[in-house]
C-alpha cells in the first residue's frame, strides 16, 4: 500500500513536471507579435508560472500526504498479519 502511494505520488509529480515544461516551452515559443497581441511580457508570464508551481508543491502538503499514507497502511498491515495467524490466535481471550 505504501509503495503504491509512493508510486502514485511519483507519477503525479512527473505528470506535473511535464505539464510545467510544456507550458514553459509554449511561453518561450511565443513570438513578439503574439506577446504584443496578448499585451504580456514573457518574463512576467514565466514568473507567474513559477509562482503557481511553487504554491502547488508545498513540502508541508507532501509531508501530510505521506503521514496519512503511513497511518492508513499500518492497520492494513496488521490485518494482513492477522489473516495468516490461526483463528484461535486472533480470538479475544477473556479470563
N, C-alpha and C. Protein backbone atom coordinates (compact mmCIF):
# COMPACT_ATOMS: atom_id res chain seq x y z
N UNK A 1 0.81 -1.19 0.00
CA UNK A 1 0.00 0.00 0.00
C UNK A 1 0.86 1.26 0.00
N UNK A 2 1.86 1.26 0.89
CA UNK A 2 2.74 2.42 0.98
C UNK A 2 3.49 2.61 -0.33
N UNK A 3 3.94 1.49 -0.89
CA UNK A 3 4.67 1.55 -2.15
C UNK A 3 3.76 2.06 -3.27
N UNK A 4 2.52 1.64 -3.27
CA UNK A 4 1.58 2.10 -4.29
C UNK A 4 1.34 3.60 -4.17
N UNK A 5 1.23 4.09 -2.93
CA UNK A 5 1.05 5.53 -2.71
C UNK A 5 2.27 6.30 -3.18
N UNK A 6 3.45 5.74 -2.91
CA UNK A 6 4.69 6.39 -3.32
C UNK A 6 4.81 6.44 -4.84
N UNK A 7 4.45 5.34 -5.50
CA UNK A 7 4.50 5.28 -6.97
C UNK A 7 3.49 6.26 -7.57
N UNK A 8 2.30 6.34 -6.98
CA UNK A 8 1.29 7.27 -7.48
C UNK A 8 1.76 8.71 -7.31
N UNK A 9 2.40 9.01 -6.19
CA UNK A 9 2.92 10.37 -5.96
C UNK A 9 4.01 10.70 -6.96
N UNK A 10 4.89 9.75 -7.21
CA UNK A 10 5.96 9.97 -8.18
C UNK A 10 5.39 10.19 -9.58
N UNK A 11 4.40 9.38 -9.95
CA UNK A 11 3.77 9.52 -11.26
C UNK A 11 3.09 10.88 -11.39
N UNK A 12 2.42 11.31 -10.33
CA UNK A 12 1.76 12.62 -10.34
C UNK A 12 2.80 13.74 -10.47
N UNK A 13 3.92 13.58 -9.78
CA UNK A 13 5.00 14.57 -9.86
C UNK A 13 5.54 14.66 -11.29
N UNK A 14 5.73 13.51 -11.92
CA UNK A 14 6.25 13.50 -13.29
C UNK A 14 5.27 14.13 -14.27
N UNK A 15 3.99 13.88 -14.09
CA UNK A 15 2.97 14.47 -14.96
C UNK A 15 2.97 16.00 -14.79
N UNK A 16 3.05 16.46 -13.55
CA UNK A 16 3.07 17.91 -13.30
C UNK A 16 4.33 18.53 -13.89
N UNK A 17 5.47 17.83 -13.77
CA UNK A 17 6.71 18.37 -14.33
C UNK A 17 6.63 18.48 -15.85
N UNK A 18 6.06 17.45 -16.50
CA UNK A 18 5.89 17.51 -17.96
C UNK A 18 4.97 18.65 -18.37
N UNK A 19 3.90 18.84 -17.63
CA UNK A 19 2.97 19.93 -17.91
C UNK A 19 3.66 21.28 -17.74
N UNK A 20 4.43 21.43 -16.67
CA UNK A 20 5.16 22.67 -16.43
C UNK A 20 6.14 22.94 -17.57
N UNK A 21 6.90 21.92 -17.97
CA UNK A 21 7.87 22.11 -19.05
C UNK A 21 7.18 22.45 -20.36
N UNK A 22 6.02 21.85 -20.61
CA UNK A 22 5.32 22.17 -21.85
C UNK A 22 4.80 23.61 -21.83
N UNK A 23 4.35 24.08 -20.67
CA UNK A 23 3.89 25.47 -20.56
C UNK A 23 5.05 26.44 -20.76
N UNK A 24 6.22 26.12 -20.18
CA UNK A 24 7.39 26.97 -20.36
C UNK A 24 7.78 27.01 -21.83
N UNK A 25 7.78 25.84 -22.48
CA UNK A 25 8.12 25.79 -23.90
C UNK A 25 7.12 26.59 -24.73
N UNK A 26 5.85 26.52 -24.37
CA UNK A 26 4.82 27.28 -25.09
C UNK A 26 5.04 28.78 -24.93
N UNK A 27 5.37 29.21 -23.73
CA UNK A 27 5.64 30.63 -23.50
C UNK A 27 6.89 31.07 -24.26
N UNK A 28 7.92 30.24 -24.24
CA UNK A 28 9.17 30.59 -24.91
C UNK A 28 9.01 30.63 -26.42
N UNK A 29 8.04 29.89 -26.95
CA UNK A 29 7.85 29.85 -28.40
C UNK A 29 6.99 31.01 -28.92
N UNK A 30 6.43 31.80 -28.03
CA UNK A 30 5.61 32.93 -28.47
C UNK A 30 6.49 33.97 -29.16
N UNK A 31 6.02 34.46 -30.28
CA UNK A 31 6.76 35.49 -30.99
C UNK A 31 6.46 36.86 -30.37
N UNK A 32 7.22 37.85 -30.80
CA UNK A 32 7.00 39.21 -30.30
C UNK A 32 5.60 39.70 -30.65
N UNK A 33 5.11 39.32 -31.84
CA UNK A 33 3.76 39.72 -32.25
C UNK A 33 2.70 39.08 -31.35
N UNK A 34 2.92 37.78 -31.02
CA UNK A 34 1.98 37.09 -30.13
C UNK A 34 1.93 37.77 -28.77
N UNK A 35 3.11 38.10 -28.25
CA UNK A 35 3.17 38.77 -26.95
C UNK A 35 2.50 40.14 -27.00
N UNK A 36 2.68 40.84 -28.11
CA UNK A 36 2.04 42.15 -28.26
C UNK A 36 0.52 41.99 -28.32
N UNK A 37 0.05 40.94 -29.02
CA UNK A 37 -1.39 40.70 -29.08
C UNK A 37 -1.96 40.39 -27.69
N UNK A 38 -1.17 39.68 -26.90
CA UNK A 38 -1.62 39.32 -25.55
C UNK A 38 -1.38 40.44 -24.54
N UNK A 39 -0.64 41.46 -24.97
CA UNK A 39 -0.23 42.55 -24.08
C UNK A 39 0.45 41.97 -22.84
N UNK A 40 1.42 41.08 -23.08
CA UNK A 40 2.09 40.39 -21.98
C UNK A 40 3.60 40.47 -22.15
N UNK A 41 4.26 40.26 -21.05
CA UNK A 41 5.71 40.21 -21.03
C UNK A 41 6.10 38.76 -20.75
N UNK A 42 7.06 38.23 -21.53
CA UNK A 42 7.46 36.83 -21.38
C UNK A 42 7.97 36.56 -19.97
N UNK A 43 8.80 37.46 -19.44
CA UNK A 43 9.34 37.27 -18.09
C UNK A 43 8.25 37.24 -17.04
N UNK A 44 7.25 38.10 -17.21
CA UNK A 44 6.13 38.13 -16.26
C UNK A 44 5.33 36.84 -16.32
N UNK A 45 5.12 36.32 -17.52
CA UNK A 45 4.37 35.07 -17.67
C UNK A 45 5.14 33.91 -17.02
N UNK A 46 6.45 33.86 -17.24
CA UNK A 46 7.26 32.80 -16.63
C UNK A 46 7.29 32.93 -15.11
N UNK A 47 7.37 34.15 -14.61
CA UNK A 47 7.36 34.38 -13.17
C UNK A 47 6.05 33.90 -12.56
N UNK A 48 4.94 34.21 -13.22
CA UNK A 48 3.63 33.77 -12.73
C UNK A 48 3.55 32.24 -12.73
N UNK A 49 4.08 31.61 -13.76
CA UNK A 49 4.06 30.15 -13.84
C UNK A 49 4.89 29.53 -12.72
N UNK A 50 6.06 30.11 -12.45
CA UNK A 50 6.91 29.60 -11.36
C UNK A 50 6.23 29.77 -10.00
N UNK A 51 5.56 30.90 -9.80
CA UNK A 51 4.86 31.13 -8.54
C UNK A 51 3.74 30.12 -8.35
N UNK A 52 3.01 29.85 -9.41
CA UNK A 52 1.92 28.87 -9.32
C UNK A 52 2.47 27.49 -9.02
N UNK A 53 3.58 27.14 -9.64
CA UNK A 53 4.19 25.84 -9.39
C UNK A 53 4.66 25.74 -7.95
N UNK A 54 5.25 26.82 -7.44
CA UNK A 54 5.75 26.81 -6.07
C UNK A 54 4.61 26.69 -5.06
N UNK A 55 3.51 27.39 -5.31
CA UNK A 55 2.37 27.33 -4.39
C UNK A 55 1.73 25.95 -4.39
N UNK A 56 1.76 25.26 -5.51
CA UNK A 56 1.09 23.96 -5.60
C UNK A 56 1.98 22.80 -5.19
N UNK A 57 3.23 23.08 -4.81
CA UNK A 57 4.12 21.99 -4.41
C UNK A 57 4.67 22.26 -3.02
N UNK A 58 3.79 22.40 -2.07
CA UNK A 58 4.17 22.69 -0.69
C UNK A 58 4.78 21.45 -0.04
N UNK A 59 5.93 21.59 0.62
CA UNK A 59 6.52 20.44 1.32
C UNK A 59 5.65 19.98 2.48
N UNK A 60 4.90 20.90 3.09
CA UNK A 60 4.02 20.51 4.20
C UNK A 60 2.86 19.65 3.71
N UNK A 61 2.34 19.98 2.53
CA UNK A 61 1.26 19.16 1.97
C UNK A 61 1.79 17.77 1.61
N UNK A 62 3.00 17.71 1.08
CA UNK A 62 3.61 16.42 0.76
C UNK A 62 3.83 15.59 2.03
N UNK A 63 4.31 16.25 3.08
CA UNK A 63 4.52 15.56 4.35
C UNK A 63 3.20 15.05 4.92
N UNK A 64 2.16 15.87 4.84
CA UNK A 64 0.84 15.46 5.35
C UNK A 64 0.32 14.26 4.57
N UNK A 65 0.52 14.26 3.25
CA UNK A 65 0.07 13.13 2.44
C UNK A 65 0.85 11.87 2.78
N UNK A 66 2.14 12.01 3.03
CA UNK A 66 2.97 10.86 3.39
C UNK A 66 2.56 10.30 4.75
N UNK A 67 2.32 11.17 5.72
CA UNK A 67 1.89 10.72 7.06
C UNK A 67 0.54 10.03 6.96
N UNK A 68 -0.37 10.58 6.18
CA UNK A 68 -1.68 9.96 6.00
C UNK A 68 -1.55 8.58 5.36
N UNK A 69 -0.68 8.46 4.37
CA UNK A 69 -0.47 7.16 3.71
C UNK A 69 0.08 6.14 4.70
N UNK A 70 1.03 6.55 5.54
CA UNK A 70 1.60 5.62 6.53
C UNK A 70 0.55 5.22 7.55
N UNK A 71 -0.21 6.20 8.06
CA UNK A 71 -1.24 5.89 9.05
C UNK A 71 -2.33 4.98 8.46
N UNK A 72 -2.60 5.13 7.20
CA UNK A 72 -3.60 4.28 6.54
C UNK A 72 -3.06 2.87 6.33
N UNK A 73 -1.75 2.77 6.12
CA UNK A 73 -1.13 1.47 5.81
C UNK A 73 -0.95 0.61 7.06
N UNK A 74 -0.70 1.20 8.21
CA UNK A 74 -0.44 0.42 9.42
C UNK A 74 -1.57 -0.55 9.78
N UNK A 75 -2.83 -0.11 9.87
CA UNK A 75 -3.90 -1.07 10.18
C UNK A 75 -4.06 -2.13 9.08
N UNK A 76 -3.81 -1.74 7.85
CA UNK A 76 -3.90 -2.70 6.75
C UNK A 76 -2.84 -3.77 6.90
N UNK A 77 -1.64 -3.37 7.30
CA UNK A 77 -0.57 -4.34 7.54
C UNK A 77 -0.94 -5.27 8.70
N UNK A 78 -1.52 -4.70 9.76
CA UNK A 78 -1.96 -5.51 10.89
C UNK A 78 -3.02 -6.53 10.47
N UNK A 79 -3.92 -6.14 9.61
CA UNK A 79 -4.94 -7.05 9.11
C UNK A 79 -4.31 -8.17 8.28
N UNK A 80 -3.31 -7.83 7.49
CA UNK A 80 -2.61 -8.83 6.69
C UNK A 80 -1.92 -9.85 7.60
N UNK A 81 -1.25 -9.37 8.64
CA UNK A 81 -0.55 -10.28 9.56
C UNK A 81 -1.56 -11.17 10.27
N UNK A 82 -2.66 -10.61 10.74
CA UNK A 82 -3.65 -11.42 11.47
C UNK A 82 -4.35 -12.42 10.55
N UNK A 83 -4.37 -12.16 9.26
CA UNK A 83 -5.02 -13.12 8.36
C UNK A 83 -4.21 -14.40 8.20
N UNK A 84 -2.93 -14.36 8.48
CA UNK A 84 -2.09 -15.56 8.38
C UNK A 84 -2.01 -16.32 9.70
N UNK A 85 -2.47 -15.73 10.77
CA UNK A 85 -2.44 -16.39 12.07
C UNK A 85 -3.61 -17.36 12.18
N UNK A 86 -3.45 -18.38 13.00
CA UNK A 86 -4.59 -19.30 13.20
C UNK A 86 -5.78 -18.56 13.83
N UNK A 87 -6.96 -19.06 13.59
CA UNK A 87 -8.17 -18.38 14.05
C UNK A 87 -8.19 -18.26 15.57
N UNK A 88 -7.70 -19.26 16.26
CA UNK A 88 -7.70 -19.23 17.73
C UNK A 88 -6.77 -18.15 18.26
N UNK A 89 -5.70 -17.87 17.55
CA UNK A 89 -4.76 -16.85 18.00
C UNK A 89 -5.34 -15.45 17.87
N UNK A 90 -6.28 -15.30 16.97
CA UNK A 90 -6.91 -13.99 16.76
C UNK A 90 -8.07 -13.74 17.71
N UNK A 91 -8.55 -14.79 18.37
CA UNK A 91 -9.71 -14.66 19.26
C UNK A 91 -9.32 -13.88 20.52
N UNK A 92 -10.26 -13.12 21.03
CA UNK A 92 -10.05 -12.37 22.24
C UNK A 92 -10.17 -13.32 23.42
N UNK A 93 -9.11 -13.38 24.24
CA UNK A 93 -9.09 -14.29 25.37
C UNK A 93 -9.55 -13.53 26.60
N UNK A 94 -10.62 -14.02 27.23
CA UNK A 94 -11.16 -13.40 28.44
C UNK A 94 -11.01 -14.41 29.56
N UNK A 95 -10.36 -13.98 30.65
CA UNK A 95 -10.17 -14.92 31.76
C UNK A 95 -11.11 -14.62 32.89
